[in-house]
Amino acid sequence: MDYKAFFADVERWIQAANQAAMQHGMESAAFWQWVADSAGALCRKYGEHRLAILQMMMMVEWLEEVYDKRKAG
């Protein structure tokens, strides 16, 4: 696996997630569908490599934490 390329893709995914959150709002189903679809696509791009799966799971959990903190005020 090309780790440099993978982590560059993760960085781009974070930027895209920020844009999707601004466009749709984190409370929207469209945002979370984008998160699931794009995270899955990134994992498939890297052949379902275990690191890719775990990294994207962590990214989704991070977004969930951000959402929960904002919701709690």
PDB file of N, CA and C in Angstrom:
ATOM      1  N   MET A   1       0.846  -1.179   0.000  1.00  0.00           N
ATOM      2  CA  MET A   1       0.000   0.000   0.000  1.00  0.00           C
ATOM      3  C   MET A   1       0.892   1.243   0.000  1.00  0.00           C
ATOM      4  N   ASP A   2       0.486   2.215  -0.767  1.00  0.00           N
ATOM      5  CA  ASP A   2       1.213   3.482  -0.827  1.00  0.00           C
ATOM      6  C   ASP A   2       0.685   4.371   0.304  1.00  0.00           C
ATOM      7  N   TYR A   3       1.384   4.361   1.425  1.00  0.00           N
ATOM      8  CA  TYR A   3       0.921   5.069   2.618  1.00  0.00           C
ATOM      9  C   TYR A   3       0.866   6.581   2.406  1.00  0.00           C
ATOM     10  N   LYS A   4       1.839   7.109   1.686  1.00  0.00           N
ATOM     11  CA  LYS A   4       1.854   8.545   1.430  1.00  0.00           C
ATOM     12  C   LYS A   4       0.605   8.950   0.646  1.00  0.00           C
ATOM     13  N   ALA A   5       0.273   8.194  -0.376  1.00  0.00           N
ATOM     14  CA  ALA A   5      -0.927   8.481  -1.179  1.00  0.00           C
ATOM     15  C   ALA A   5      -2.184   8.308  -0.335  1.00  0.00           C
ATOM     16  N   PHE A   6      -2.208   7.263   0.482  1.00  0.00           N
ATOM     17  CA  PHE A   6      -3.384   7.020   1.315  1.00  0.00           C
ATOM     18  C   PHE A   6      -3.633   8.185   2.265  1.00  0.00           C
ATOM     19  N   PHE A   7      -2.612   8.605   2.984  1.00  0.00           N
ATOM     20  CA  PHE A   7      -2.818   9.678   3.955  1.00  0.00           C
ATOM     21  C   PHE A   7      -3.080  11.025   3.272  1.00  0.00           C
ATOM     22  N   ALA A   8      -2.589  11.205   2.058  1.00  0.00           N
ATOM     23  CA  ALA A   8      -2.962  12.398   1.285  1.00  0.00           C
ATOM     24  C   ALA A   8      -4.449  12.334   0.935  1.00  0.00           C
ATOM     25  N   ASP A   9      -4.934  11.146   0.596  1.00  0.00           N
ATOM     26  CA  ASP A   9      -6.366  10.977   0.326  1.00  0.00           C
ATOM     27  C   ASP A   9      -7.196  11.215   1.583  1.00  0.00           C
ATOM     28  N   VAL A  10      -6.698  10.772   2.725  1.00  0.00           N
ATOM     29  CA  VAL A  10      -7.410  11.017   3.987  1.00  0.00           C
ATOM     30  C   VAL A  10      -7.486  12.522   4.250  1.00  0.00           C
ATOM     31  N   GLU A  11      -6.400  13.223   4.013  1.00  0.00           N
ATOM     32  CA  GLU A  11      -6.408  14.678   4.202  1.00  0.00           C
ATOM     33  C   GLU A  11      -7.438  15.335   3.285  1.00  0.00           C
ATOM     34  N   ARG A  12      -7.472  14.904   2.028  1.00  0.00           N
ATOM     35  CA  ARG A  12      -8.468  15.452   1.099  1.00  0.00           C
ATOM     36  C   ARG A  12      -9.885  15.094   1.538  1.00  0.00           C
ATOM     37  N   TRP A  13     -10.058  13.887   2.094  1.00  0.00           N
ATOM     38  CA  TRP A  13     -11.375  13.463   2.575  1.00  0.00           C
ATOM     39  C   TRP A  13     -11.832  14.368   3.723  1.00  0.00           C
ATOM     40  N   ILE A  14     -10.928  14.713   4.633  1.00  0.00           N
ATOM     41  CA  ILE A  14     -11.274  15.602   5.747  1.00  0.00           C
ATOM     42  C   ILE A  14     -11.730  16.957   5.210  1.00  0.00           C
ATOM     43  N   GLN A  15     -11.021  17.476   4.239  1.00  0.00           N
ATOM     44  CA  GLN A  15     -11.418  18.753   3.636  1.00  0.00           C
ATOM     45  C   GLN A  15     -12.791  18.633   2.982  1.00  0.00           C
ATOM     46  N   ALA A  16     -13.019  17.527   2.280  1.00  0.00           N
ATOM     47  CA  ALA A  16     -14.315  17.308   1.631  1.00  0.00           C
ATOM     48  C   ALA A  16     -15.419  17.133   2.671  1.00  0.00           C
ATOM     49  N   ALA A  17     -15.101  16.485   3.795  1.00  0.00           N
ATOM     50  CA  ALA A  17     -16.091  16.316   4.866  1.00  0.00           C
ATOM     51  C   ALA A  17     -16.488  17.668   5.442  1.00  0.00           C
ATOM     52  N   ASN A  18     -15.522  18.554   5.601  1.00  0.00           N
ATOM     53  CA  ASN A  18     -15.832  19.902   6.081  1.00  0.00           C
ATOM     54  C   ASN A  18     -16.742  20.627   5.102  1.00  0.00           C
ATOM     55  N   GLN A  19     -16.468  20.484   3.815  1.00  0.00           N
ATOM     56  CA  GLN A  19     -17.312  21.115   2.797  1.00  0.00           C
ATOM     57  C   GLN A  19     -18.713  20.514   2.796  1.00  0.00           C
ATOM     58  N   ALA A  20     -18.797  19.184   2.920  1.00  0.00           N
ATOM     59  CA  ALA A  20     -20.102  18.518   2.945  1.00  0.00           C
ATOM     60  C   ALA A  20     -20.897  18.939   4.172  1.00  0.00           C
ATOM     61  N   ALA A  21     -20.224  19.110   5.294  1.00  0.00           N
ATOM     62  CA  ALA A  21     -20.905  19.555   6.514  1.00  0.00           C
ATOM     63  C   ALA A  21     -21.457  20.963   6.334  1.00  0.00           C
ATOM     64  N   MET A  22     -20.692  21.827   5.678  1.00  0.00           N
ATOM     65  CA  MET A  22     -21.176  23.189   5.440  1.00  0.00           C
ATOM     66  C   MET A  22     -22.334  23.193   4.439  1.00  0.00           C
ATOM     67  N   GLN A  23     -22.239  22.335   3.448  1.00  0.00           N
ATOM     68  CA  GLN A  23     -23.266  22.292   2.405  1.00  0.00           C
ATOM     69  C   GLN A  23     -24.577  21.701   2.912  1.00  0.00           C
ATOM     70  N   HIS A  24     -24.489  20.567   3.604  1.00  0.00           N
ATOM     71  CA  HIS A  24     -25.688  19.826   4.005  1.00  0.00           C
ATOM     72  C   HIS A  24     -26.082  20.044   5.460  1.00  0.00           C
ATOM     73  N   GLY A  25     -25.099  20.356   6.316  1.00  0.00           N
ATOM     74  CA  GLY A  25     -25.328  20.391   7.753  1.00  0.00           C
ATOM     75  C   GLY A  25     -25.119  19.001   8.333  1.00  0.00           C
ATOM     76  N   MET A  26     -24.453  18.943   9.470  1.00  0.00           N
ATOM     77  CA  MET A  26     -24.144  17.642  10.072  1.00  0.00           C
ATOM     78  C   MET A  26     -25.385  16.907  10.552  1.00  0.00           C
ATOM     79  N   GLU A  27     -26.487  17.618  10.724  1.00  0.00           N
ATOM     80  CA  GLU A  27     -27.713  16.977  11.203  1.00  0.00           C
ATOM     81  C   GLU A  27     -28.491  16.312  10.071  1.00  0.00           C
ATOM     82  N   SER A  28     -28.049  16.477   8.832  1.00  0.00           N
ATOM     83  CA  SER A  28     -28.820  15.968   7.693  1.00  0.00           C
ATOM     84  C   SER A  28     -28.444  14.536   7.328  1.00  0.00           C
ATOM     85  N   ALA A  29     -29.423  13.821   6.829  1.00  0.00           N
ATOM     86  CA  ALA A  29     -29.186  12.463   6.334  1.00  0.00           C
ATOM     87  C   ALA A  29     -28.237  12.492   5.140  1.00  0.00           C
ATOM     88  N   ALA A  30     -28.325  13.540   4.325  1.00  0.00           N
ATOM     89  CA  ALA A  30     -27.457  13.647   3.147  1.00  0.00           C
ATOM     90  C   ALA A  30     -25.983  13.693   3.549  1.00  0.00           C
ATOM     91  N   PHE A  31     -25.677  14.404   4.621  1.00  0.00           N
ATOM     92  CA  PHE A  31     -24.290  14.470   5.082  1.00  0.00           C
ATOM     93  C   PHE A  31     -23.796  13.092   5.502  1.00  0.00           C
ATOM     94  N   TRP A  32     -24.565  12.400   6.327  1.00  0.00           N
ATOM     95  CA  TRP A  32     -24.126  11.103   6.826  1.00  0.00           C
ATOM     96  C   TRP A  32     -24.090  10.054   5.724  1.00  0.00           C
ATOM     97  N   GLN A  33     -24.946  10.192   4.725  1.00  0.00           N
ATOM     98  CA  GLN A  33     -24.874   9.292   3.567  1.00  0.00           C
ATOM     99  C   GLN A  33     -23.582   9.548   2.804  1.00  0.00           C
ATOM    100  N   TRP A  34     -23.227  10.824   2.650  1.00  0.00           N
ATOM    101  CA  TRP A  34     -21.966  11.159   1.995  1.00  0.00           C
ATOM    102  C   TRP A  34     -20.795  10.563   2.775  1.00  0.00           C
ATOM    103  N   VAL A  35     -20.826  10.701   4.098  1.00  0.00           N
ATOM    104  CA  VAL A  35     -19.751  10.161   4.937  1.00  0.00           C
ATOM    105  C   VAL A  35     -19.603   8.660   4.696  1.00  0.00           C
ATOM    106  N   ALA A  36     -20.708   7.923   4.772  1.00  0.00           N
ATOM    107  CA  ALA A  36     -20.662   6.469   4.598  1.00  0.00           C
ATOM    108  C   ALA A  36     -20.177   6.092   3.201  1.00  0.00           C
ATOM    109  N   ASP A  37     -20.736   6.738   2.192  1.00  0.00           N
ATOM    110  CA  ASP A  37     -20.371   6.404   0.811  1.00  0.00           C
ATOM    111  C   ASP A  37     -18.912   6.731   0.516  1.00  0.00           C
ATOM    112  N   SER A  38     -18.467   7.902   0.927  1.00  0.00           N
ATOM    113  CA  SER A  38     -17.100   8.316   0.610  1.00  0.00           C
ATOM    114  C   SER A  38     -16.065   7.541   1.424  1.00  0.00           C
ATOM    115  N   ALA A  39     -16.383   7.232   2.671  1.00  0.00           N
ATOM    116  CA  ALA A  39     -15.458   6.427   3.479  1.00  0.00           C
ATOM    117  C   ALA A  39     -15.332   5.024   2.885  1.00  0.00           C
ATOM    118  N   GLY A  40     -16.454   4.457   2.479  1.00  0.00           N
ATOM    119  CA  GLY A  40     -16.425   3.140   1.838  1.00  0.00           C
ATOM    120  C   GLY A  40     -15.640   3.153   0.543  1.00  0.00           C
ATOM    121  N   ALA A  41     -15.817   4.208  -0.249  1.00  0.00           N
ATOM    122  CA  ALA A  41     -15.093   4.316  -1.517  1.00  0.00           C
ATOM    123  C   ALA A  41     -13.590   4.394  -1.284  1.00  0.00           C
ATOM    124  N   LEU A  42     -13.185   5.123  -0.264  1.00  0.00           N
ATOM    125  CA  LEU A  42     -11.760   5.230   0.031  1.00  0.00           C
ATOM    126  C   LEU A  42     -11.197   3.880   0.473  1.00  0.00           C
ATOM    127  N   CYS A  43     -11.948   3.155   1.273  1.00  0.00           N
ATOM    128  CA  CYS A  43     -11.501   1.817   1.685  1.00  0.00           C
ATOM    129  C   CYS A  43     -11.372   0.895   0.474  1.00  0.00           C
ATOM    130  N   ARG A  44     -12.342   0.931  -0.421  1.00  0.00           N
ATOM    131  CA  ARG A  44     -12.278   0.095  -1.623  1.00  0.00           C
ATOM    132  C   ARG A  44     -11.103   0.488  -2.513  1.00  0.00           C
ATOM    133  N   LYS A  45     -10.818   1.790  -2.601  1.00  0.00           N
ATOM    134  CA  LYS A  45      -9.690   2.259  -3.416  1.00  0.00           C
ATOM    135  C   LYS A  45      -8.389   1.605  -2.971  1.00  0.00           C
ATOM    136  N   TYR A  46      -8.269   1.351  -1.679  1.00  0.00           N
ATOM    137  CA  TYR A  46      -7.054   0.748  -1.132  1.00  0.00           C
ATOM    138  C   TYR A  46      -7.239  -0.733  -0.820  1.00  0.00           C
ATOM    139  N   GLY A  47      -8.138  -1.375  -1.548  1.00  0.00           N
ATOM    140  CA  GLY A  47      -8.285  -2.827  -1.490  1.00  0.00           C
ATOM    141  C   GLY A  47      -8.751  -3.348  -0.153  1.00  0.00           C
ATOM    142  N   GLU A  48      -9.552  -2.553   0.546  1.00  0.00           N
ATOM    143  CA  GLU A  48     -10.056  -2.949   1.869  1.00  0.00           C
ATOM    144  C   GLU A  48      -8.904  -3.268   2.828  1.00  0.00           C
ATOM    145  N   HIS A  49      -7.778  -2.599   2.627  1.00  0.00           N
ATOM    146  CA  HIS A  49      -6.621  -2.776   3.520  1.00  0.00           C
ATOM    147  C   HIS A  49      -7.060  -2.454   4.953  1.00  0.00           C
ATOM    148  N   ARG A  50      -6.604  -3.238   5.887  1.00  0.00           N
ATOM    149  CA  ARG A  50      -7.037  -3.073   7.280  1.00  0.00           C
ATOM    150  C   ARG A  50      -6.763  -1.656   7.804  1.00  0.00           C
ATOM    151  N   LEU A  51      -5.634  -1.090   7.450  1.00  0.00           N
ATOM    152  CA  LEU A  51      -5.326   0.269   7.892  1.00  0.00           C
ATOM    153  C   LEU A  51      -6.351   1.262   7.342  1.00  0.00           C
ATOM    154  N   ALA A  52      -6.721   1.100   6.088  1.00  0.00           N
ATOM    155  CA  ALA A  52      -7.712   2.000   5.483  1.00  0.00           C
ATOM    156  C   ALA A  52      -9.048   1.888   6.211  1.00  0.00           C
ATOM    157  N   ILE A  53      -9.465   0.676   6.491  1.00  0.00           N
ATOM    158  CA  ILE A  53     -10.739   0.468   7.187  1.00  0.00           C
ATOM    159  C   ILE A  53     -10.704   1.096   8.577  1.00  0.00           C
ATOM    160  N   LEU A  54      -9.648   0.812   9.329  1.00  0.00           N
ATOM    161  CA  LEU A  54      -9.555   1.351  10.690  1.00  0.00           C
ATOM    162  C   LEU A  54      -9.440   2.872  10.684  1.00  0.00           C
ATOM    163  N   GLN A  55      -8.685   3.414   9.742  1.00  0.00           N
ATOM    164  CA  GLN A  55      -8.546   4.871   9.653  1.00  0.00           C
ATOM    165  C   GLN A  55      -9.894   5.522   9.372  1.00  0.00           C
ATOM    166  N   MET A  56     -10.645   4.960   8.442  1.00  0.00           N
ATOM    167  CA  MET A  56     -11.925   5.572   8.093  1.00  0.00           C
ATOM    168  C   MET A  56     -12.955   5.356   9.199  1.00  0.00           C
ATOM    169  N   MET A  57     -12.877   4.256   9.903  1.00  0.00           N
ATOM    170  CA  MET A  57     -13.755   4.078  11.071  1.00  0.00           C
ATOM    171  C   MET A  57     -13.458   5.165  12.101  1.00  0.00           C
ATOM    172  N   MET A  58     -12.176   5.437  12.313  1.00  0.00           N
ATOM    173  CA  MET A  58     -11.791   6.472  13.261  1.00  0.00           C
ATOM    174  C   MET A  58     -12.290   7.841  12.800  1.00  0.00           C
ATOM    175  N   MET A  59     -12.215   8.110  11.503  1.00  0.00           N
ATOM    176  CA  MET A  59     -12.677   9.397  10.986  1.00  0.00           C
ATOM    177  C   MET A  59     -14.185   9.555  11.194  1.00  0.00           C
ATOM    178  N   VAL A  60     -14.935   8.495  10.959  1.00  0.00           N
ATOM    179  CA  VAL A  60     -16.388   8.551  11.164  1.00  0.00           C
ATOM    180  C   VAL A  60     -16.695   8.760  12.644  1.00  0.00           C
ATOM    181  N   GLU A  61     -15.991   8.058  13.513  1.00  0.00           N
ATOM    182  CA  GLU A  61     -16.191   8.245  14.956  1.00  0.00           C
ATOM    183  C   GLU A  61     -15.870   9.682  15.367  1.00  0.00           C
ATOM    184  N   TRP A  62     -14.829  10.251  14.790  1.00  0.00           N
ATOM    185  CA  TRP A  62     -14.463  11.635  15.070  1.00  0.00           C
ATOM    186  C   TRP A  62     -15.592  12.579  14.666  1.00  0.00           C
ATOM    187  N   LEU A  63     -16.159  12.366  13.482  1.00  0.00           N
ATOM    188  CA  LEU A  63     -17.282  13.198  13.044  1.00  0.00           C
ATOM    189  C   LEU A  63     -18.484  13.044  13.974  1.00  0.00           C
ATOM    190  N   GLU A  64     -18.728  11.816  14.425  1.00  0.00           N
ATOM    191  CA  GLU A  64     -19.833  11.587  15.365  1.00  0.00           C
ATOM    192  C   GLU A  64     -19.602  12.347  16.669  1.00  0.00           C
ATOM    193  N   GLU A  65     -18.361  12.363  17.145  1.00  0.00           N
ATOM    194  CA  GLU A  65     -18.039  13.107  18.369  1.00  0.00           C
ATOM    195  C   GLU A  65     -18.244  14.606  18.172  1.00  0.00           C
ATOM    196  N   VAL A  66     -17.811  15.124  17.032  1.00  0.00           N
ATOM    197  CA  VAL A  66     -18.017  16.547  16.730  1.00  0.00           C
ATOM    198  C   VAL A  66     -19.507  16.854  16.725  1.00  0.00           C
ATOM    199  N   TYR A  67     -20.276  16.002  16.068  1.00  0.00           N
ATOM    200  CA  TYR A  67     -21.731  16.190  16.005  1.00  0.00           C
ATOM    201  C   TYR A  67     -22.344  16.174  17.406  1.00  0.00           C
ATOM    202  N   ASP A  68     -21.961  15.186  18.213  1.00  0.00           N
ATOM    203  CA  ASP A  68     -22.510  15.070  19.570  1.00  0.00           C
ATOM    204  C   ASP A  68     -22.166  16.291  20.424  1.00  0.00           C
ATOM    205  N   LYS A  69     -20.938  16.789  20.309  1.00  0.00           N
ATOM    206  CA  LYS A  69     -20.533  17.971  21.083  1.00  0.00           C
ATOM    207  C   LYS A  69     -21.316  19.205  20.663  1.00  0.00           C
ATOM    208  N   ARG A  70     -21.519  19.362  19.366  1.00  0.00           N
ATOM    209  CA  ARG A  70     -22.300  20.512  18.882  1.00  0.00           C
ATOM    210  C   ARG A  70     -23.749  20.406  19.328  1.00  0.00           C
ATOM    211  N   LYS A  71     -24.277  19.199  19.291  1.00  0.00           N
ATOM    212  CA  LYS A  71     -25.674  18.968  19.678  1.00  0.00           C
ATOM    213  C   LYS A  71     -25.875  19.255  21.166  1.00  0.00           C
ATOM    214  N   ALA A  72     -24.873  18.892  21.968  1.00  0.00           N
ATOM    215  CA  ALA A  72     -24.958  19.094  23.417  1.00  0.00           C
ATOM    216  C   ALA A  72     -24.795  20.571  23.788  1.00  0.00           C
ATOM    217  N   GLY A  73     -24.216  21.330  22.876  1.00  0.00           N
ATOM    218  CA  GLY A  73     -24.067  22.765  23.138  1.00  0.00           C
ATOM    219  C   GLY A  73     -22.762  23.052  23.709  1.00  0.00           C
TER     220      GLY A  73
END
